[in-house]
């Protein structure tokens, strides 16, 4: 039986569910020898030619980014933010579609705020 969400967890789970509805796919990173999930990686490829990603390590430790598809995964992001799960997913989903007015267009150096082996 699954326990009910706490009021602290609810907005973060709701944000993850919104990203699932928006087409993100997920990969779990487990600890040594297949232990507990240590991080969750999510990405989606947009029809406008961008790749959007986020990595979660805890409710208050998340990072999201948007890349040009041709620059992904080795290039620098067009946009990046870090913070709580709910904040970074909401900010990512609120970005204007790639290539439209107001969307980020200039690549910037990637942050080292949250690093996972094999991801950067």
N, C-alpha and C. Protein backbone atom coordinates (compact mmCIF):
# COMPACT_ATOMS: atom_id res chain seq x y z
N UNK A 1 0.83 -1.18 0.00
CA UNK A 1 0.00 0.00 0.00
C UNK A 1 0.88 1.25 0.00
N UNK A 2 0.52 2.21 -0.82
CA UNK A 2 1.27 3.45 -0.93
C UNK A 2 0.80 4.43 0.12
N UNK A 3 1.75 5.09 0.76
CA UNK A 3 1.38 6.08 1.77
C UNK A 3 0.93 7.37 1.10
N UNK A 4 0.08 8.14 1.75
CA UNK A 4 -0.37 9.42 1.18
C UNK A 4 0.80 10.40 1.11
N UNK A 5 0.73 11.30 0.13
CA UNK A 5 1.75 12.34 0.01
C UNK A 5 1.61 13.34 1.13
N UNK A 6 2.74 13.86 1.58
CA UNK A 6 2.72 14.96 2.54
C UNK A 6 2.46 16.26 1.79
N UNK A 7 2.08 17.29 2.51
CA UNK A 7 1.86 18.60 1.88
C UNK A 7 3.17 19.14 1.30
N UNK A 8 4.29 18.72 1.85
CA UNK A 8 5.59 19.14 1.33
C UNK A 8 5.89 18.44 0.00
N UNK A 9 5.54 17.18 -0.12
CA UNK A 9 5.82 16.40 -1.33
C UNK A 9 4.87 16.70 -2.49
N UNK A 10 3.62 17.02 -2.18
CA UNK A 10 2.56 17.12 -3.19
C UNK A 10 2.88 18.04 -4.37
N UNK A 11 3.40 19.26 -4.18
CA UNK A 11 3.65 20.10 -5.35
C UNK A 11 4.76 19.55 -6.26
N UNK A 12 5.71 18.85 -5.67
CA UNK A 12 6.80 18.29 -6.46
C UNK A 12 6.31 17.10 -7.29
N UNK A 13 5.50 16.25 -6.69
CA UNK A 13 4.93 15.11 -7.42
C UNK A 13 4.00 15.62 -8.52
N UNK A 14 3.21 16.65 -8.22
CA UNK A 14 2.31 17.23 -9.23
C UNK A 14 3.11 17.77 -10.42
N UNK A 15 4.25 18.40 -10.16
CA UNK A 15 5.09 18.93 -11.24
C UNK A 15 5.65 17.79 -12.09
N UNK A 16 6.10 16.72 -11.45
CA UNK A 16 6.60 15.56 -12.21
C UNK A 16 5.47 14.99 -13.07
N UNK A 17 4.28 14.90 -12.53
CA UNK A 17 3.14 14.38 -13.30
C UNK A 17 2.83 15.29 -14.49
N UNK A 18 2.92 16.62 -14.31
CA UNK A 18 2.72 17.55 -15.44
C UNK A 18 3.76 17.31 -16.52
N UNK A 19 5.00 17.04 -16.11
CA UNK A 19 6.04 16.80 -17.12
C UNK A 19 5.80 15.49 -17.85
N UNK A 20 5.27 14.49 -17.15
CA UNK A 20 4.92 13.23 -17.81
C UNK A 20 3.85 13.49 -18.87
N UNK A 21 2.84 14.28 -18.52
CA UNK A 21 1.78 14.62 -19.46
C UNK A 21 2.32 15.41 -20.64
N UNK A 22 3.42 16.14 -20.43
CA UNK A 22 4.03 16.96 -21.49
C UNK A 22 5.01 16.15 -22.35
N UNK A 23 5.15 14.85 -22.08
CA UNK A 23 5.96 14.00 -22.95
C UNK A 23 7.36 13.67 -22.49
N UNK A 24 7.72 13.98 -21.25
CA UNK A 24 9.04 13.63 -20.75
C UNK A 24 9.13 12.12 -20.51
N UNK A 25 10.30 11.57 -20.78
CA UNK A 25 10.59 10.17 -20.47
C UNK A 25 11.66 10.16 -19.38
N UNK A 26 11.76 9.04 -18.66
CA UNK A 26 12.55 9.01 -17.43
C UNK A 26 13.55 7.87 -17.39
N UNK A 27 14.64 8.14 -16.66
CA UNK A 27 15.66 7.14 -16.38
C UNK A 27 16.05 7.31 -14.92
N UNK A 28 16.06 6.22 -14.18
CA UNK A 28 16.46 6.26 -12.77
C UNK A 28 17.93 5.87 -12.65
N UNK A 29 18.67 6.61 -11.83
CA UNK A 29 20.05 6.27 -11.52
C UNK A 29 20.08 5.66 -10.13
N UNK A 30 20.52 4.42 -10.06
CA UNK A 30 20.55 3.70 -8.79
C UNK A 30 21.95 3.73 -8.19
N UNK A 31 21.99 3.53 -6.89
CA UNK A 31 23.25 3.46 -6.17
C UNK A 31 24.02 2.21 -6.53
N UNK A 32 25.18 2.02 -5.95
CA UNK A 32 26.01 0.85 -6.23
C UNK A 32 25.22 -0.45 -6.06
N UNK A 33 25.51 -1.39 -6.93
CA UNK A 33 24.89 -2.72 -6.87
C UNK A 33 23.37 -2.66 -6.98
N UNK A 34 22.84 -1.68 -7.72
CA UNK A 34 21.40 -1.60 -7.93
C UNK A 34 20.62 -1.14 -6.72
N UNK A 35 21.25 -0.39 -5.85
CA UNK A 35 20.60 0.09 -4.64
C UNK A 35 19.48 1.06 -4.92
N UNK A 36 19.18 1.88 -3.93
CA UNK A 36 18.08 2.85 -4.02
C UNK A 36 18.31 3.84 -5.16
N UNK A 37 17.22 4.40 -5.67
CA UNK A 37 17.32 5.43 -6.70
C UNK A 37 17.97 6.66 -6.08
N UNK A 38 19.05 7.12 -6.71
CA UNK A 38 19.77 8.29 -6.21
C UNK A 38 19.43 9.55 -6.98
N UNK A 39 18.96 9.39 -8.22
CA UNK A 39 18.58 10.54 -9.03
C UNK A 39 17.63 10.07 -10.13
N UNK A 40 16.83 11.00 -10.59
CA UNK A 40 15.92 10.76 -11.71
C UNK A 40 16.28 11.74 -12.81
N UNK A 41 16.46 11.22 -14.02
CA UNK A 41 16.76 12.03 -15.19
C UNK A 41 15.55 11.98 -16.11
N UNK A 42 15.12 13.13 -16.63
CA UNK A 42 13.99 13.19 -17.55
C UNK A 42 14.39 14.02 -18.76
N UNK A 43 13.87 13.63 -19.94
CA UNK A 43 14.13 14.44 -21.14
C UNK A 43 12.97 14.31 -22.10
N UNK A 44 12.86 15.35 -22.96
CA UNK A 44 11.93 15.29 -24.08
C UNK A 44 12.56 16.04 -25.25
N UNK A 45 12.32 15.51 -26.43
CA UNK A 45 12.74 16.12 -27.68
C UNK A 45 11.53 16.84 -28.23
N UNK A 46 11.66 18.13 -28.51
CA UNK A 46 10.52 18.90 -28.99
C UNK A 46 10.48 18.92 -30.52
N UNK A 47 9.31 19.10 -31.09
CA UNK A 47 9.22 19.18 -32.55
C UNK A 47 9.91 20.43 -33.11
N UNK A 48 10.17 21.42 -32.26
CA UNK A 48 10.82 22.65 -32.70
C UNK A 48 12.35 22.54 -32.74
N UNK A 49 12.91 21.39 -32.39
CA UNK A 49 14.35 21.20 -32.48
C UNK A 49 15.12 21.45 -31.20
N UNK A 50 14.49 21.24 -30.06
CA UNK A 50 15.18 21.41 -28.78
C UNK A 50 15.06 20.11 -27.97
N UNK A 51 15.97 19.97 -27.02
CA UNK A 51 15.91 18.88 -26.05
C UNK A 51 15.83 19.55 -24.69
N UNK A 52 14.83 19.15 -23.91
CA UNK A 52 14.65 19.69 -22.57
C UNK A 52 14.89 18.56 -21.58
N UNK A 53 15.63 18.87 -20.52
CA UNK A 53 15.99 17.85 -19.55
C UNK A 53 15.85 18.39 -18.13
N UNK A 54 15.70 17.45 -17.21
CA UNK A 54 15.87 17.82 -15.81
C UNK A 54 16.39 16.61 -15.04
N UNK A 55 17.09 16.92 -13.95
CA UNK A 55 17.64 15.90 -13.06
C UNK A 55 17.19 16.25 -11.64
N UNK A 56 16.71 15.22 -10.93
CA UNK A 56 16.23 15.40 -9.56
C UNK A 56 17.03 14.52 -8.62
N UNK A 57 17.50 15.09 -7.52
CA UNK A 57 18.19 14.29 -6.50
C UNK A 57 17.45 14.35 -5.18
N UNK A 58 16.52 15.24 -5.06
CA UNK A 58 15.72 15.41 -3.86
C UNK A 58 14.75 16.55 -4.10
N UNK A 59 13.81 16.75 -3.20
CA UNK A 59 12.80 17.79 -3.41
C UNK A 59 13.40 19.18 -3.60
N UNK A 60 14.55 19.42 -2.98
CA UNK A 60 15.16 20.75 -3.07
C UNK A 60 16.42 20.78 -3.92
N UNK A 61 16.71 19.69 -4.62
CA UNK A 61 17.93 19.60 -5.41
C UNK A 61 17.59 19.11 -6.82
N UNK A 62 17.32 20.09 -7.71
CA UNK A 62 16.94 19.77 -9.08
C UNK A 62 17.55 20.80 -10.03
N UNK A 63 17.76 20.39 -11.26
CA UNK A 63 18.26 21.27 -12.30
C UNK A 63 17.57 20.93 -13.61
N UNK A 64 17.24 21.97 -14.38
CA UNK A 64 16.58 21.79 -15.67
C UNK A 64 17.33 22.58 -16.72
N UNK A 65 17.27 22.12 -17.97
CA UNK A 65 17.97 22.81 -19.05
C UNK A 65 17.26 22.58 -20.38
N UNK A 66 17.50 23.50 -21.30
CA UNK A 66 17.06 23.34 -22.69
C UNK A 66 18.30 23.47 -23.58
N UNK A 67 18.41 22.57 -24.55
CA UNK A 67 19.51 22.55 -25.50
C UNK A 67 18.96 22.59 -26.92
N UNK A 68 19.74 23.10 -27.86
CA UNK A 68 19.44 22.86 -29.27
C UNK A 68 19.66 21.37 -29.51
N UNK A 69 18.78 20.75 -30.28
CA UNK A 69 18.90 19.31 -30.53
C UNK A 69 20.26 18.98 -31.11
N UNK A 70 20.78 19.81 -32.00
CA UNK A 70 22.07 19.52 -32.63
C UNK A 70 23.24 19.67 -31.67
N UNK A 71 23.05 20.34 -30.56
CA UNK A 71 24.12 20.52 -29.56
C UNK A 71 24.06 19.49 -28.44
N UNK A 72 23.01 18.71 -28.39
CA UNK A 72 22.78 17.80 -27.28
C UNK A 72 23.43 16.45 -27.53
N UNK A 73 24.11 15.84 -26.58
CA UNK A 73 24.23 16.21 -25.17
C UNK A 73 25.52 16.93 -24.82
N UNK A 74 26.40 17.11 -25.77
CA UNK A 74 27.73 17.65 -25.46
C UNK A 74 27.80 19.17 -25.40
N UNK A 75 26.84 19.86 -26.00
CA UNK A 75 26.91 21.32 -26.08
C UNK A 75 26.42 22.01 -24.82
N UNK A 76 26.48 23.32 -24.87
CA UNK A 76 26.02 24.14 -23.75
C UNK A 76 24.53 24.42 -23.89
N UNK A 77 23.85 24.59 -22.78
CA UNK A 77 22.40 24.82 -22.82
C UNK A 77 22.05 26.23 -23.28
N UNK A 78 20.85 26.36 -23.81
CA UNK A 78 20.29 27.68 -24.11
C UNK A 78 19.72 28.32 -22.86
N UNK A 79 19.32 27.48 -21.94
CA UNK A 79 18.66 27.93 -20.70
C UNK A 79 18.91 26.88 -19.64
N UNK A 80 19.02 27.33 -18.39
CA UNK A 80 19.23 26.40 -17.28
C UNK A 80 18.80 27.07 -15.98
N UNK A 81 18.25 26.27 -15.08
CA UNK A 81 17.90 26.77 -13.76
C UNK A 81 18.03 25.65 -12.75
N UNK A 82 18.16 26.00 -11.49
CA UNK A 82 18.21 25.00 -10.43
C UNK A 82 17.36 25.48 -9.27
N UNK A 83 16.96 24.53 -8.44
CA UNK A 83 16.14 24.85 -7.28
C UNK A 83 15.34 23.64 -6.85
N UNK A 84 14.11 23.88 -6.40
CA UNK A 84 13.26 22.76 -5.99
C UNK A 84 12.70 22.07 -7.23
N UNK A 85 12.25 20.84 -7.05
CA UNK A 85 11.66 20.08 -8.15
C UNK A 85 10.51 20.87 -8.76
N UNK A 86 9.58 21.32 -7.94
CA UNK A 86 8.41 22.04 -8.47
C UNK A 86 8.83 23.30 -9.22
N UNK A 87 9.80 24.04 -8.68
CA UNK A 87 10.22 25.29 -9.32
C UNK A 87 10.89 25.05 -10.68
N UNK A 88 11.82 24.09 -10.75
CA UNK A 88 12.54 23.91 -12.02
C UNK A 88 11.64 23.31 -13.10
N UNK A 89 10.77 22.38 -12.74
CA UNK A 89 9.88 21.80 -13.74
C UNK A 89 8.89 22.86 -14.22
N UNK A 90 8.33 23.63 -13.31
CA UNK A 90 7.40 24.69 -13.70
C UNK A 90 8.08 25.69 -14.62
N UNK A 91 9.29 26.12 -14.28
CA UNK A 91 10.02 27.07 -15.13
C UNK A 91 10.29 26.48 -16.52
N UNK A 92 10.68 25.22 -16.57
CA UNK A 92 10.95 24.57 -17.86
C UNK A 92 9.68 24.48 -18.70
N UNK A 93 8.59 24.05 -18.10
CA UNK A 93 7.34 23.92 -18.84
C UNK A 93 6.76 25.28 -19.24
N UNK A 94 7.13 26.34 -18.53
CA UNK A 94 6.64 27.69 -18.86
C UNK A 94 7.46 28.39 -19.95
N UNK A 95 8.60 27.82 -20.35
CA UNK A 95 9.39 28.46 -21.40
C UNK A 95 8.60 28.53 -22.70
N UNK A 96 8.75 29.63 -23.44
CA UNK A 96 8.14 29.65 -24.78
C UNK A 96 8.76 28.55 -25.64
N UNK A 97 7.99 27.98 -26.57
CA UNK A 97 8.56 26.94 -27.43
C UNK A 97 9.83 27.42 -28.13
N UNK A 98 10.77 26.52 -28.31
CA UNK A 98 12.04 26.82 -28.98
C UNK A 98 11.75 27.45 -30.35
N UNK A 99 12.46 28.54 -30.64
CA UNK A 99 12.32 29.20 -31.93
C UNK A 99 11.20 30.23 -32.00
N UNK A 100 10.47 30.43 -30.90
CA UNK A 100 9.41 31.42 -30.91
C UNK A 100 9.86 32.65 -30.14
N UNK A 101 9.17 33.80 -30.31
CA UNK A 101 9.56 35.01 -29.57
C UNK A 101 9.60 34.76 -28.07
N UNK A 102 10.66 35.25 -27.45
CA UNK A 102 10.84 35.11 -26.01
C UNK A 102 11.57 33.86 -25.57
N UNK A 103 11.75 32.91 -26.50
CA UNK A 103 12.48 31.68 -26.16
C UNK A 103 13.98 31.98 -26.12
N UNK A 104 14.71 31.31 -25.23
CA UNK A 104 16.16 31.52 -25.17
C UNK A 104 16.83 31.09 -26.48
N UNK A 105 17.81 31.89 -26.95
CA UNK A 105 18.46 31.60 -28.23
C UNK A 105 19.98 31.52 -28.16
N UNK A 106 20.57 32.03 -27.09
CA UNK A 106 22.03 32.08 -26.99
C UNK A 106 22.49 31.02 -26.00
N UNK A 107 23.37 30.13 -26.46
CA UNK A 107 23.92 29.09 -25.58
C UNK A 107 24.78 29.74 -24.50
N UNK A 108 24.76 29.16 -23.33
CA UNK A 108 25.55 29.64 -22.20
C UNK A 108 26.31 28.48 -21.59
N UNK A 109 27.35 28.77 -20.88
CA UNK A 109 28.12 27.70 -20.23
C UNK A 109 27.23 26.94 -19.27
N UNK A 110 27.36 25.63 -19.30
CA UNK A 110 26.58 24.78 -18.39
C UNK A 110 27.04 24.99 -16.96
N UNK A 111 26.10 24.96 -16.04
CA UNK A 111 26.39 25.06 -14.62
C UNK A 111 26.93 23.71 -14.12
N UNK A 112 27.66 23.76 -13.04
CA UNK A 112 28.09 22.52 -12.40
C UNK A 112 27.29 22.32 -11.10
N UNK A 113 26.09 22.95 -11.03
CA UNK A 113 25.28 22.90 -9.81
C UNK A 113 24.86 21.49 -9.44
N UNK A 114 24.62 20.65 -10.41
CA UNK A 114 24.20 19.28 -10.14
C UNK A 114 24.81 18.40 -11.21
N UNK A 115 25.71 17.54 -10.83
CA UNK A 115 26.42 16.70 -11.79
C UNK A 115 26.17 15.26 -11.50
N UNK A 116 25.94 14.50 -12.55
CA UNK A 116 25.80 13.05 -12.42
C UNK A 116 26.75 12.37 -13.38
N UNK A 117 27.39 11.29 -12.99
CA UNK A 117 28.29 10.60 -13.90
C UNK A 117 27.58 10.23 -15.19
N UNK A 118 28.24 10.51 -16.31
CA UNK A 118 27.70 10.16 -17.61
C UNK A 118 26.74 11.18 -18.19
N UNK A 119 26.36 12.19 -17.41
CA UNK A 119 25.44 13.20 -17.94
C UNK A 119 26.12 14.50 -18.31
N UNK A 120 27.27 14.80 -17.77
CA UNK A 120 28.01 16.01 -18.14
C UNK A 120 29.37 15.91 -17.52
